[in-house]
Every structure is written in structure tokens, then in C-alpha cells.
Amino acid sequence: MSEPFFFCILLQRKESGSNDLKDDAMRGEMKMRSGSELGKKIRLLRKKNDMSQREFAGVLSVTPQTISKWENGKSNPDIDSLVDIAKYFEITMDELFEFENEA
């Protein structure tokens, strides 16, 4: 399980009052897009705002190469960057990860 995935489950479960974070994840009750699909979401958000990778990198204080790696599924943003991305585009973490609750 990747760090961003667990982090988002933690946020969602904290809000609902559940203490069974690992159990929820292991049962597959919480699903999110894969890393490459997260990258596609980041690219979509960036393009909707008419931003180049260089401009977006400047906003997040990362390199344009980092943005490219995220968007191409070669790496994932760290937790701080995920929060910054959601804040910048004024969306929730759930919207960024497009969580689906199968329960």
C-alpha cells in the first residue's frame, strides 16, 4: 500500500470516526485510482487551469521534471504536495483521489 493511499484513507476514516483503517483498506472497501490515474487527474486539473508544467512546478516549489513524472505515473507526489495540489485547485483530497466507497 502506498503512502498517499493510506494517508487518504486515514483522512476519510478520521472524519467518519472509524478506527479500523487497515481493515478497511485490506478488505478493499476503499478504492482509489492507481498512481498513473492520479497523474492523469493532476494533468487534467493543470490543463483546465491553462498552466504549463513549469508554471505549476513553480506554484508547488518542485521541478517541471517532477510534475512530468507525476503526470506520467513514474512517481507520486508526497503527502505535503498532495495537500498543496488539493488546496491550489480548491478540491478535497477525496476529489483528487476520486475515492469510491464500495460498502
PDB file of N, CA and C in Angstrom:
ATOM      1  N   MET A   1       0.853  -1.174   0.000  1.00  0.00           N
ATOM      2  CA  MET A   1       0.000   0.000   0.000  1.00  0.00           C
ATOM      3  C   MET A   1       0.897   1.234   0.000  1.00  0.00           C
ATOM      4  N   SER A   2       0.638   2.165  -0.892  1.00  0.00           N
ATOM      5  CA  SER A   2       1.482   3.345  -0.970  1.00  0.00           C
ATOM      6  C   SER A   2       1.094   4.354   0.105  1.00  0.00           C
ATOM      7  N   GLU A   3       2.040   5.223   0.434  1.00  0.00           N
ATOM      8  CA  GLU A   3       1.831   6.208   1.482  1.00  0.00           C
ATOM      9  C   GLU A   3       0.641   7.136   1.205  1.00  0.00           C
ATOM     10  N   PRO A   4       0.517   7.724  -0.031  1.00  0.00           N
ATOM     11  CA  PRO A   4      -0.635   8.598  -0.271  1.00  0.00           C
ATOM     12  C   PRO A   4      -1.969   7.877  -0.115  1.00  0.00           C
ATOM     13  N   PHE A   5      -2.046   6.623  -0.547  1.00  0.00           N
ATOM     14  CA  PHE A   5      -3.286   5.866  -0.427  1.00  0.00           C
ATOM     15  C   PHE A   5      -3.681   5.732   1.038  1.00  0.00           C
ATOM     16  N   PHE A   6      -2.741   5.319   1.878  1.00  0.00           N
ATOM     17  CA  PHE A   6      -3.039   5.150   3.293  1.00  0.00           C
ATOM     18  C   PHE A   6      -3.383   6.483   3.937  1.00  0.00           C
ATOM     19  N   PHE A   7      -2.676   7.533   3.561  1.00  0.00           N
ATOM     20  CA  PHE A   7      -2.931   8.861   4.104  1.00  0.00           C
ATOM     21  C   PHE A   7      -4.369   9.296   3.831  1.00  0.00           C
ATOM     22  N   CYS A   8      -4.844   9.074   2.613  1.00  0.00           N
ATOM     23  CA  CYS A   8      -6.206   9.487   2.272  1.00  0.00           C
ATOM     24  C   CYS A   8      -7.245   8.643   2.987  1.00  0.00           C
ATOM     25  N   ILE A   9      -6.972   7.362   3.170  1.00  0.00           N
ATOM     26  CA  ILE A   9      -7.881   6.530   3.946  1.00  0.00           C
ATOM     27  C   ILE A   9      -7.928   7.054   5.376  1.00  0.00           C
ATOM     28  N   LEU A  10      -6.772   7.411   5.899  1.00  0.00           N
ATOM     29  CA  LEU A  10      -6.694   7.945   7.255  1.00  0.00           C
ATOM     30  C   LEU A  10      -7.558   9.185   7.389  1.00  0.00           C
ATOM     31  N   LEU A  11      -7.459  10.105   6.451  1.00  0.00           N
ATOM     32  CA  LEU A  11      -8.277  11.319   6.498  1.00  0.00           C
ATOM     33  C   LEU A  11      -9.763  10.994   6.447  1.00  0.00           C
ATOM     34  N   GLN A  12     -10.141  10.114   5.543  1.00  0.00           N
ATOM     35  CA  GLN A  12     -11.557   9.800   5.383  1.00  0.00           C
ATOM     36  C   GLN A  12     -12.100   9.052   6.605  1.00  0.00           C
ATOM     37  N   ARG A  13     -11.341   8.114   7.112  1.00  0.00           N
ATOM     38  CA  ARG A  13     -11.790   7.341   8.265  1.00  0.00           C
ATOM     39  C   ARG A  13     -11.827   8.220   9.508  1.00  0.00           C
ATOM     40  N   LYS A  14     -10.883   9.154   9.644  1.00  0.00           N
ATOM     41  CA  LYS A  14     -10.876  10.049  10.805  1.00  0.00           C
ATOM     42  C   LYS A  14     -12.167  10.867  10.833  1.00  0.00           C
ATOM     43  N   GLU A  15     -12.575  11.330   9.657  1.00  0.00           N
ATOM     44  CA  GLU A  15     -13.798  12.123   9.575  1.00  0.00           C
ATOM     45  C   GLU A  15     -15.032  11.300   9.933  1.00  0.00           C
ATOM     46  N   SER A  16     -15.023  10.010   9.610  1.00  0.00           N
ATOM     47  CA  SER A  16     -16.195   9.175   9.871  1.00  0.00           C
ATOM     48  C   SER A  16     -16.173   8.559  11.261  1.00  0.00           C
ATOM     49  N   GLY A  17     -15.021   8.659  11.961  1.00  0.00           N
ATOM     50  CA  GLY A  17     -14.922   8.111  13.306  1.00  0.00           C
ATOM     51  C   GLY A  17     -14.504   6.660  13.354  1.00  0.00           C
ATOM     52  N   SER A  18     -14.202   6.052  12.196  1.00  0.00           N
ATOM     53  CA  SER A  18     -13.784   4.654  12.176  1.00  0.00           C
ATOM     54  C   SER A  18     -12.358   4.515  12.673  1.00  0.00           C
ATOM     55  N   ASN A  19     -12.088   3.447  13.415  1.00  0.00           N
ATOM     56  CA  ASN A  19     -10.739   3.175  13.890  1.00  0.00           C
ATOM     57  C   ASN A  19     -10.105   2.008  13.159  1.00  0.00           C
ATOM     58  N   ASP A  20     -10.802   1.429  12.202  1.00  0.00           N
ATOM     59  CA  ASP A  20     -10.326   0.232  11.518  1.00  0.00           C
ATOM     60  C   ASP A  20      -9.724   0.584  10.161  1.00  0.00           C
ATOM     61  N   LEU A  21      -8.716   1.461  10.152  1.00  0.00           N
ATOM     62  CA  LEU A  21      -8.119   1.919   8.903  1.00  0.00           C
ATOM     63  C   LEU A  21      -7.544   0.785   8.086  1.00  0.00           C
ATOM     64  N   LYS A  22      -6.717  -0.028   8.714  1.00  0.00           N
ATOM     65  CA  LYS A  22      -6.055  -1.105   7.995  1.00  0.00           C
ATOM     66  C   LYS A  22      -7.077  -2.128   7.511  1.00  0.00           C
ATOM     67  N   ASP A  23      -8.038  -2.452   8.346  1.00  0.00           N
ATOM     68  CA  ASP A  23      -9.064  -3.420   7.958  1.00  0.00           C
ATOM     69  C   ASP A  23      -9.860  -2.927   6.750  1.00  0.00           C
ATOM     70  N   ASP A  24     -10.246  -1.649   6.754  1.00  0.00           N
ATOM     71  CA  ASP A  24     -10.995  -1.089   5.632  1.00  0.00           C
ATOM     72  C   ASP A  24     -10.189  -1.202   4.346  1.00  0.00           C
ATOM     73  N   ALA A  25      -8.907  -0.878   4.432  1.00  0.00           N
ATOM     74  CA  ALA A  25      -8.055  -0.921   3.248  1.00  0.00           C
ATOM     75  C   ALA A  25      -7.850  -2.355   2.785  1.00  0.00           C
ATOM     76  N   MET A  26      -7.613  -3.261   3.708  1.00  0.00           N
ATOM     77  CA  MET A  26      -7.349  -4.647   3.354  1.00  0.00           C
ATOM     78  C   MET A  26      -8.590  -5.327   2.767  1.00  0.00           C
ATOM     79  N   ARG A  27      -9.768  -4.971   3.232  1.00  0.00           N
ATOM     80  CA  ARG A  27     -10.999  -5.550   2.694  1.00  0.00           C
ATOM     81  C   ARG A  27     -11.330  -4.949   1.336  1.00  0.00           C
ATOM     82  N   GLY A  28     -10.629  -3.903   0.975  1.00  0.00           N
ATOM     83  CA  GLY A  28     -10.875  -3.273  -0.318  1.00  0.00           C
ATOM     84  C   GLY A  28     -12.112  -2.419  -0.329  1.00  0.00           C
ATOM     85  N   GLU A  29     -12.582  -1.996   0.839  1.00  0.00           N
ATOM     86  CA  GLU A  29     -13.786  -1.176   0.878  1.00  0.00           C
ATOM     87  C   GLU A  29     -13.522   0.233   0.384  1.00  0.00           C
ATOM     88  N   MET A  30     -12.286   0.649   0.438  1.00  0.00           N
ATOM     89  CA  MET A  30     -11.930   1.965  -0.074  1.00  0.00           C
ATOM     90  C   MET A  30     -11.060   1.746  -1.302  1.00  0.00           C
ATOM     91  N   LYS A  31     -11.458   2.339  -2.413  1.00  0.00           N
ATOM     92  CA  LYS A  31     -10.672   2.212  -3.631  1.00  0.00           C
ATOM     93  C   LYS A  31     -10.344   3.594  -4.142  1.00  0.00           C
ATOM     94  N   MET A  32      -9.205   3.695  -4.765  1.00  0.00           N
ATOM     95  CA  MET A  32      -8.815   4.944  -5.382  1.00  0.00           C
ATOM     96  C   MET A  32      -8.182   4.627  -6.719  1.00  0.00           C
ATOM     97  N   ARG A  33      -7.954   5.621  -7.471  1.00  0.00           N
ATOM     98  CA  ARG A  33      -7.301   5.441  -8.750  1.00  0.00           C
ATOM     99  C   ARG A  33      -5.849   5.046  -8.541  1.00  0.00           C
ATOM    100  N   SER A  34      -5.293   4.361  -9.522  1.00  0.00           N
ATOM    101  CA  SER A  34      -3.881   3.996  -9.466  1.00  0.00           C
ATOM    102  C   SER A  34      -3.024   5.248  -9.593  1.00  0.00           C
ATOM    103  N   GLY A  35      -1.723   5.087  -9.353  1.00  0.00           N
ATOM    104  CA  GLY A  35      -0.803   6.215  -9.454  1.00  0.00           C
ATOM    105  C   GLY A  35      -0.830   6.875 -10.817  1.00  0.00           C
ATOM    106  N   SER A  36      -0.913   6.067 -11.890  1.00  0.00           N
ATOM    107  CA  SER A  36      -0.945   6.656 -13.222  1.00  0.00           C
ATOM    108  C   SER A  36      -2.244   7.427 -13.440  1.00  0.00           C
ATOM    109  N   GLU A  37      -3.338   6.952 -12.847  1.00  0.00           N
ATOM    110  CA  GLU A  37      -4.599   7.680 -12.982  1.00  0.00           C
ATOM    111  C   GLU A  37      -4.596   8.951 -12.133  1.00  0.00           C
ATOM    112  N   LEU A  38      -3.891   8.910 -10.998  1.00  0.00           N
ATOM    113  CA  LEU A  38      -3.722  10.131 -10.206  1.00  0.00           C
ATOM    114  C   LEU A  38      -2.961  11.160 -11.041  1.00  0.00           C
ATOM    115  N   GLY A  39      -1.948  10.707 -11.744  1.00  0.00           N
ATOM    116  CA  GLY A  39      -1.185  11.595 -12.614  1.00  0.00           C
ATOM    117  C   GLY A  39      -2.051  12.213 -13.697  1.00  0.00           C
ATOM    118  N   LYS A  40      -2.951  11.409 -14.261  1.00  0.00           N
ATOM    119  CA  LYS A  40      -3.872  11.919 -15.266  1.00  0.00           C
ATOM    120  C   LYS A  40      -4.781  12.992 -14.668  1.00  0.00           C
ATOM    121  N   LYS A  41      -5.202  12.772 -13.430  1.00  0.00           N
ATOM    122  CA  LYS A  41      -6.060  13.758 -12.753  1.00  0.00           C
ATOM    123  C   LYS A  41      -5.300  15.061 -12.539  1.00  0.00           C
ATOM    124  N   ILE A  42      -4.034  14.946 -12.117  1.00  0.00           N
ATOM    125  CA  ILE A  42      -3.214  16.147 -11.915  1.00  0.00           C
ATOM    126  C   ILE A  42      -3.045  16.889 -13.239  1.00  0.00           C
ATOM    127  N   ARG A  43      -2.760  16.152 -14.315  1.00  0.00           N
ATOM    128  CA  ARG A  43      -2.606  16.776 -15.640  1.00  0.00           C
ATOM    129  C   ARG A  43      -3.896  17.478 -16.055  1.00  0.00           C
ATOM    130  N   LEU A  44      -5.031  16.815 -15.855  1.00  0.00           N
ATOM    131  CA  LEU A  44      -6.323  17.397 -16.212  1.00  0.00           C
ATOM    132  C   LEU A  44      -6.565  18.701 -15.448  1.00  0.00           C
ATOM    133  N   LEU A  45      -6.314  18.674 -14.146  1.00  0.00           N
ATOM    134  CA  LEU A  45      -6.510  19.882 -13.339  1.00  0.00           C
ATOM    135  C   LEU A  45      -5.597  21.017 -13.807  1.00  0.00           C
ATOM    136  N   ARG A  46      -4.341  20.674 -14.094  1.00  0.00           N
ATOM    137  CA  ARG A  46      -3.380  21.680 -14.543  1.00  0.00           C
ATOM    138  C   ARG A  46      -3.816  22.278 -15.869  1.00  0.00           C
ATOM    139  N   LYS A  47      -4.214  21.438 -16.796  1.00  0.00           N
ATOM    140  CA  LYS A  47      -4.608  21.921 -18.125  1.00  0.00           C
ATOM    141  C   LYS A  47      -5.904  22.724 -18.081  1.00  0.00           C
ATOM    142  N   LYS A  48      -6.834  22.309 -17.210  1.00  0.00           N
ATOM    143  CA  LYS A  48      -8.080  23.078 -17.057  1.00  0.00           C
ATOM    144  C   LYS A  48      -7.799  24.504 -16.599  1.00  0.00           C
ATOM    145  N   ASN A  49      -6.689  24.671 -15.908  1.00  0.00           N
ATOM    146  CA  ASN A  49      -6.295  25.988 -15.411  1.00  0.00           C
ATOM    147  C   ASN A  49      -5.263  26.650 -16.320  1.00  0.00           C
ATOM    148  N   ASP A  50      -5.114  26.124 -17.531  1.00  0.00           N
ATOM    149  CA  ASP A  50      -4.207  26.693 -18.540  1.00  0.00           C
ATOM    150  C   ASP A  50      -2.809  26.949 -17.990  1.00  0.00           C
ATOM    151  N   MET A  51      -2.269  25.949 -17.309  1.00  0.00           N
ATOM    152  CA  MET A  51      -0.930  26.080 -16.736  1.00  0.00           C
ATOM    153  C   MET A  51       0.036  25.127 -17.430  1.00  0.00           C
ATOM    154  N   SER A  52       1.247  25.594 -17.634  1.00  0.00           N
ATOM    155  CA  SER A  52       2.300  24.710 -18.130  1.00  0.00           C
ATOM    156  C   SER A  52       2.854  23.920 -16.945  1.00  0.00           C
ATOM    157  N   GLN A  53       3.595  22.872 -17.250  1.00  0.00           N
ATOM    158  CA  GLN A  53       4.240  22.115 -16.168  1.00  0.00           C
ATOM    159  C   GLN A  53       5.198  23.028 -15.401  1.00  0.00           C
ATOM    160  N   ARG A  54       5.881  23.910 -16.107  1.00  0.00           N
ATOM    161  CA  ARG A  54       6.822  24.833 -15.460  1.00  0.00           C
ATOM    162  C   ARG A  54       6.094  25.772 -14.487  1.00  0.00           C
ATOM    163  N   GLU A  55       4.959  26.312 -14.920  1.00  0.00           N
ATOM    164  CA  GLU A  55       4.185  27.212 -14.055  1.00  0.00           C
ATOM    165  C   GLU A  55       3.681  26.475 -12.812  1.00  0.00           C
ATOM    166  N   PHE A  56       3.145  25.281 -13.021  1.00  0.00           N
ATOM    167  CA  PHE A  56       2.614  24.506 -11.900  1.00  0.00           C
ATOM    168  C   PHE A  56       3.733  24.103 -10.952  1.00  0.00           C
ATOM    169  N   ALA A  57       4.881  23.753 -11.515  1.00  0.00           N
ATOM    170  CA  ALA A  57       6.044  23.401 -10.690  1.00  0.00           C
ATOM    171  C   ALA A  57       6.433  24.578  -9.802  1.00  0.00           C
ATOM    172  N   GLY A  58       6.374  25.791 -10.349  1.00  0.00           N
ATOM    173  CA  GLY A  58       6.699  26.984  -9.567  1.00  0.00           C
ATOM    174  C   GLY A  58       5.752  27.182  -8.395  1.00  0.00           C
ATOM    175  N   VAL A  59       4.478  26.903  -8.623  1.00  0.00           N
ATOM    176  CA  VAL A  59       3.475  27.027  -7.559  1.00  0.00           C
ATOM    177  C   VAL A  59       3.782  26.060  -6.418  1.00  0.00           C
ATOM    178  N   LEU A  60       4.208  24.835  -6.771  1.00  0.00           N
ATOM    179  CA  LEU A  60       4.434  23.791  -5.766  1.00  0.00           C
ATOM    180  C   LEU A  60       5.884  23.727  -5.277  1.00  0.00           C
ATOM    181  N   SER A  61       6.735  24.581  -5.828  1.00  0.00           N
ATOM    182  CA  SER A  61       8.164  24.589  -5.476  1.00  0.00           C
ATOM    183  C   SER A  61       8.831  23.241  -5.740  1.00  0.00           C
ATOM    184  N   VAL A  62       8.524  22.672  -6.912  1.00  0.00           N
ATOM    185  CA  VAL A  62       9.173  21.449  -7.381  1.00  0.00           C
ATOM    186  C   VAL A  62       9.668  21.734  -8.805  1.00  0.00           C
ATOM    187  N   THR A  63      10.364  20.788  -9.397  1.00  0.00           N
ATOM    188  CA  THR A  63      10.850  20.982 -10.762  1.00  0.00           C
ATOM    189  C   THR A  63       9.785  20.568 -11.777  1.00  0.00           C
ATOM    190  N   PRO A  64       9.878  21.103 -12.983  1.00  0.00           N
ATOM    191  CA  PRO A  64       8.964  20.649 -14.038  1.00  0.00           C
ATOM    192  C   PRO A  64       9.103  19.149 -14.299  1.00  0.00           C
ATOM    193  N   GLN A  65      10.305  18.612 -14.115  1.00  0.00           N
ATOM    194  CA  GLN A  65      10.520  17.181 -14.293  1.00  0.00           C
ATOM    195  C   GLN A  65       9.708  16.377 -13.280  1.00  0.00           C
ATOM    196  N   THR A  66       9.575  16.897 -12.070  1.00  0.00           N
ATOM    197  CA  THR A  66       8.768  16.232 -11.042  1.00  0.00           C
ATOM    198  C   THR A  66       7.303  16.180 -11.471  1.00  0.00           C
ATOM    199  N   ILE A  67       6.795  17.287 -11.970  1.00  0.00           N
ATOM    200  CA  ILE A  67       5.410  17.333 -12.457  1.00  0.00           C
ATOM    201  C   ILE A  67       5.232  16.300 -13.573  1.00  0.00           C
ATOM    202  N   SER A  68       6.189  16.241 -14.493  1.00  0.00           N
ATOM    203  CA  SER A  68       6.131  15.280 -15.587  1.00  0.00           C
ATOM    204  C   SER A  68       6.100  13.844 -15.064  1.00  0.00           C
ATOM    205  N   LYS A  69       6.922  13.535 -14.080  1.00  0.00           N
ATOM    206  CA  LYS A  69       6.943  12.182 -13.503  1.00  0.00           C
ATOM    207  C   LYS A  69       5.606  11.842 -12.859  1.00  0.00           C
ATOM    208  N   TRP A  70       5.015  12.791 -12.148  1.00  0.00           N
ATOM    209  CA  TRP A  70       3.706  12.547 -11.540  1.00  0.00           C
ATOM    210  C   TRP A  70       2.672  12.261 -12.612  1.00  0.00           C
ATOM    211  N   GLU A  71       2.640  13.137 -13.625  1.00  0.00           N
ATOM    212  CA  GLU A  71       1.615  13.034 -14.654  1.00  0.00           C
ATOM    213  C   GLU A  71       1.761  11.771 -15.508  1.00  0.00           C
ATOM    214  N   ASN A  72       2.963  11.257 -15.595  1.00  0.00           N
ATOM    215  CA  ASN A  72       3.206  10.042 -16.379  1.00  0.00           C
ATOM    216  C   ASN A  72       3.229   8.781 -15.535  1.00  0.00           C
ATOM    217  N   GLY A  73       2.888   8.902 -14.248  1.00  0.00           N
ATOM    218  CA  GLY A  73       2.794   7.743 -13.372  1.00  0.00           C
ATOM    219  C   GLY A  73       4.138   7.142 -12.984  1.00  0.00           C
ATOM    220  N   LYS A  74       5.225   7.879 -13.179  1.00  0.00           N
ATOM    221  CA  LYS A  74       6.555   7.370 -12.844  1.00  0.00           C
ATOM    222  C   LYS A  74       6.868   7.538 -11.358  1.00  0.00           C
ATOM    223  N   SER A  75       6.188   8.483 -10.706  1.00  0.00           N
ATOM    224  CA  SER A  75       6.302   8.680  -9.261  1.00  0.00           C
ATOM    225  C   SER A  75       5.019   9.349  -8.787  1.00  0.00           C
ATOM    226  N   ASN A  76       4.857   9.416  -7.478  1.00  0.00           N
ATOM    227  CA  ASN A  76       3.673  10.046  -6.894  1.00  0.00           C
ATOM    228  C   ASN A  76       4.085  11.216  -6.013  1.00  0.00           C
ATOM    229  N   PRO A  77       3.224  12.206  -5.917  1.00  0.00           N
ATOM    230  CA  PRO A  77       3.510  13.328  -5.016  1.00  0.00           C
ATOM    231  C   PRO A  77       3.596  12.852  -3.570  1.00  0.00           C
ATOM    232  N   ASP A  78       4.431  13.522  -2.768  1.00  0.00           N
ATOM    233  CA  ASP A  78       4.460  13.201  -1.348  1.00  0.00           C
ATOM    234  C   ASP A  78       3.226  13.811  -0.682  1.00  0.00           C
ATOM    235  N   ILE A  79       3.047  13.503   0.571  1.00  0.00           N
ATOM    236  CA  ILE A  79       1.836  13.937   1.277  1.00  0.00           C
ATOM    237  C   ILE A  79       1.681  15.455   1.273  1.00  0.00           C
ATOM    238  N   ASP A  80       2.765  16.167   1.526  1.00  0.00           N
ATOM    239  CA  ASP A  80       2.684  17.630   1.532  1.00  0.00           C
ATOM    240  C   ASP A  80       2.268  18.166   0.168  1.00  0.00           C
ATOM    241  N   SER A  81       2.811  17.587  -0.891  1.00  0.00           N
ATOM    242  CA  SER A  81       2.457  18.034  -2.241  1.00  0.00           C
ATOM    243  C   SER A  81       1.001  17.728  -2.567  1.00  0.00           C
ATOM    244  N   LEU A  82       0.515  16.577  -2.113  1.00  0.00           N
ATOM    245  CA  LEU A  82      -0.891  16.242  -2.338  1.00  0.00           C
ATOM    246  C   LEU A  82      -1.813  17.278  -1.708  1.00  0.00           C
ATOM    247  N   VAL A  83      -1.487  17.667  -0.495  1.00  0.00           N
ATOM    248  CA  VAL A  83      -2.285  18.689   0.201  1.00  0.00           C
ATOM    249  C   VAL A  83      -2.207  20.005  -0.561  1.00  0.00           C
ATOM    250  N   ASP A  84      -1.000  20.377  -0.997  1.00  0.00           N
ATOM    251  CA  ASP A  84      -0.825  21.630  -1.747  1.00  0.00           C
ATOM    252  C   ASP A  84      -1.598  21.616  -3.064  1.00  0.00           C
ATOM    253  N   ILE A  85      -1.590  20.480  -3.753  1.00  0.00           N
ATOM    254  CA  ILE A  85      -2.326  20.356  -5.020  1.00  0.00           C
ATOM    255  C   ILE A  85      -3.820  20.544  -4.775  1.00  0.00           C
ATOM    256  N   ALA A  86      -4.344  19.852  -3.776  1.00  0.00           N
ATOM    257  CA  ALA A  86      -5.776  19.965  -3.465  1.00  0.00           C
ATOM    258  C   ALA A  86      -6.142  21.392  -3.086  1.00  0.00           C
ATOM    259  N   LYS A  87      -5.319  22.029  -2.267  1.00  0.00           N
ATOM    260  CA  LYS A  87      -5.598  23.414  -1.871  1.00  0.00           C
ATOM    261  C   LYS A  87      -5.546  24.351  -3.064  1.00  0.00           C
ATOM    262  N   TYR A  88      -4.538  24.189  -3.900  1.00  0.00           N
ATOM    263  CA  TYR A  88      -4.379  25.086  -5.046  1.00  0.00           C
ATOM    264  C   TYR A  88      -5.587  25.014  -5.976  1.00  0.00           C
ATOM    265  N   PHE A  89      -6.057  23.804  -6.247  1.00  0.00           N
ATOM    266  CA  PHE A  89      -7.190  23.640  -7.153  1.00  0.00           C
ATOM    267  C   PHE A  89      -8.538  23.705  -6.432  1.00  0.00           C
ATOM    268  N   GLU A  90      -8.490  23.974  -5.135  1.00  0.00           N
ATOM    269  CA  GLU A  90      -9.693  24.122  -4.314  1.00  0.00           C
ATOM    270  C   GLU A  90     -10.610  22.900  -4.417  1.00  0.00           C
ATOM    271  N   ILE A  91      -9.991  21.726  -4.224  1.00  0.00           N
ATOM    272  CA  ILE A  91     -10.732  20.470  -4.206  1.00  0.00           C
ATOM    273  C   ILE A  91     -10.370  19.713  -2.934  1.00  0.00           C
ATOM    274  N   THR A  92     -11.172  18.731  -2.594  1.00  0.00           N
ATOM    275  CA  THR A  92     -10.873  17.910  -1.428  1.00  0.00           C
ATOM    276  C   THR A  92      -9.898  16.804  -1.833  1.00  0.00           C
ATOM    277  N   MET A  93      -9.313  16.161  -0.843  1.00  0.00           N
ATOM    278  CA  MET A  93      -8.446  15.013  -1.120  1.00  0.00           C
ATOM    279  C   MET A  93      -9.260  13.895  -1.762  1.00  0.00           C
ATOM    280  N   ASP A  94     -10.497  13.714  -1.330  1.00  0.00           N
ATOM    281  CA  ASP A  94     -11.368  12.704  -1.943  1.00  0.00           C
ATOM    282  C   ASP A  94     -11.537  12.983  -3.435  1.00  0.00           C
ATOM    283  N   GLU A  95     -11.735  14.245  -3.784  1.00  0.00           N
ATOM    284  CA  GLU A  95     -11.900  14.598  -5.194  1.00  0.00           C
ATOM    285  C   GLU A  95     -10.601  14.367  -5.961  1.00  0.00           C
ATOM    286  N   LEU A  96      -9.479  14.674  -5.350  1.00  0.00           N
ATOM    287  CA  LEU A  96      -8.197  14.456  -6.004  1.00  0.00           C
ATOM    288  C   LEU A  96      -7.975  12.981  -6.282  1.00  0.00           C
ATOM    289  N   PHE A  97      -8.292  12.142  -5.311  1.00  0.00           N
ATOM    290  CA  PHE A  97      -8.080  10.706  -5.464  1.00  0.00           C
ATOM    291  C   PHE A  97      -9.287   9.980  -6.049  1.00  0.00           C
ATOM    292  N   GLU A  98     -10.395  10.684  -6.191  1.00  0.00           N
ATOM    293  CA  GLU A  98     -11.621  10.102  -6.721  1.00  0.00           C
ATOM    294  C   GLU A  98     -11.953   8.786  -6.031  1.00  0.00           C
ATOM    295  N   PHE A  99     -12.063   8.889  -4.702  1.00  0.00           N
ATOM    296  CA  PHE A  99     -12.400   7.723  -3.901  1.00  0.00           C
ATOM    297  C   PHE A  99     -13.759   7.171  -4.274  1.00  0.00           C
ATOM    298  N   GLU A 100     -13.859   5.863  -4.213  1.00  0.00           N
ATOM    299  CA  GLU A 100     -15.131   5.185  -4.379  1.00  0.00           C
ATOM    300  C   GLU A 100     -15.312   4.286  -3.162  1.00  0.00           C
ATOM    301  N   ASN A 101     -16.422   4.415  -2.498  1.00  0.00           N
ATOM    302  CA  ASN A 101     -16.703   3.588  -1.333  1.00  0.00           C
ATOM    303  C   ASN A 101     -17.633   2.474  -1.781  1.00  0.00           C
ATOM    304  N   GLU A 102     -17.140   1.227  -1.725  1.00  0.00           N
ATOM    305  CA  GLU A 102     -17.928   0.101  -2.201  1.00  0.00           C
ATOM    306  C   GLU A 102     -18.841  -0.475  -1.142  1.00  0.00           C
ATOM    307  N   ALA A 103     -18.753   0.022   0.068  1.00  0.00           N
ATOM    308  CA  ALA A 103     -19.566  -0.534   1.156  1.00  0.00           C
ATOM    309  C   ALA A 103     -21.023  -0.162   0.973  1.00  0.00           C
TER     310      ALA A 103
END
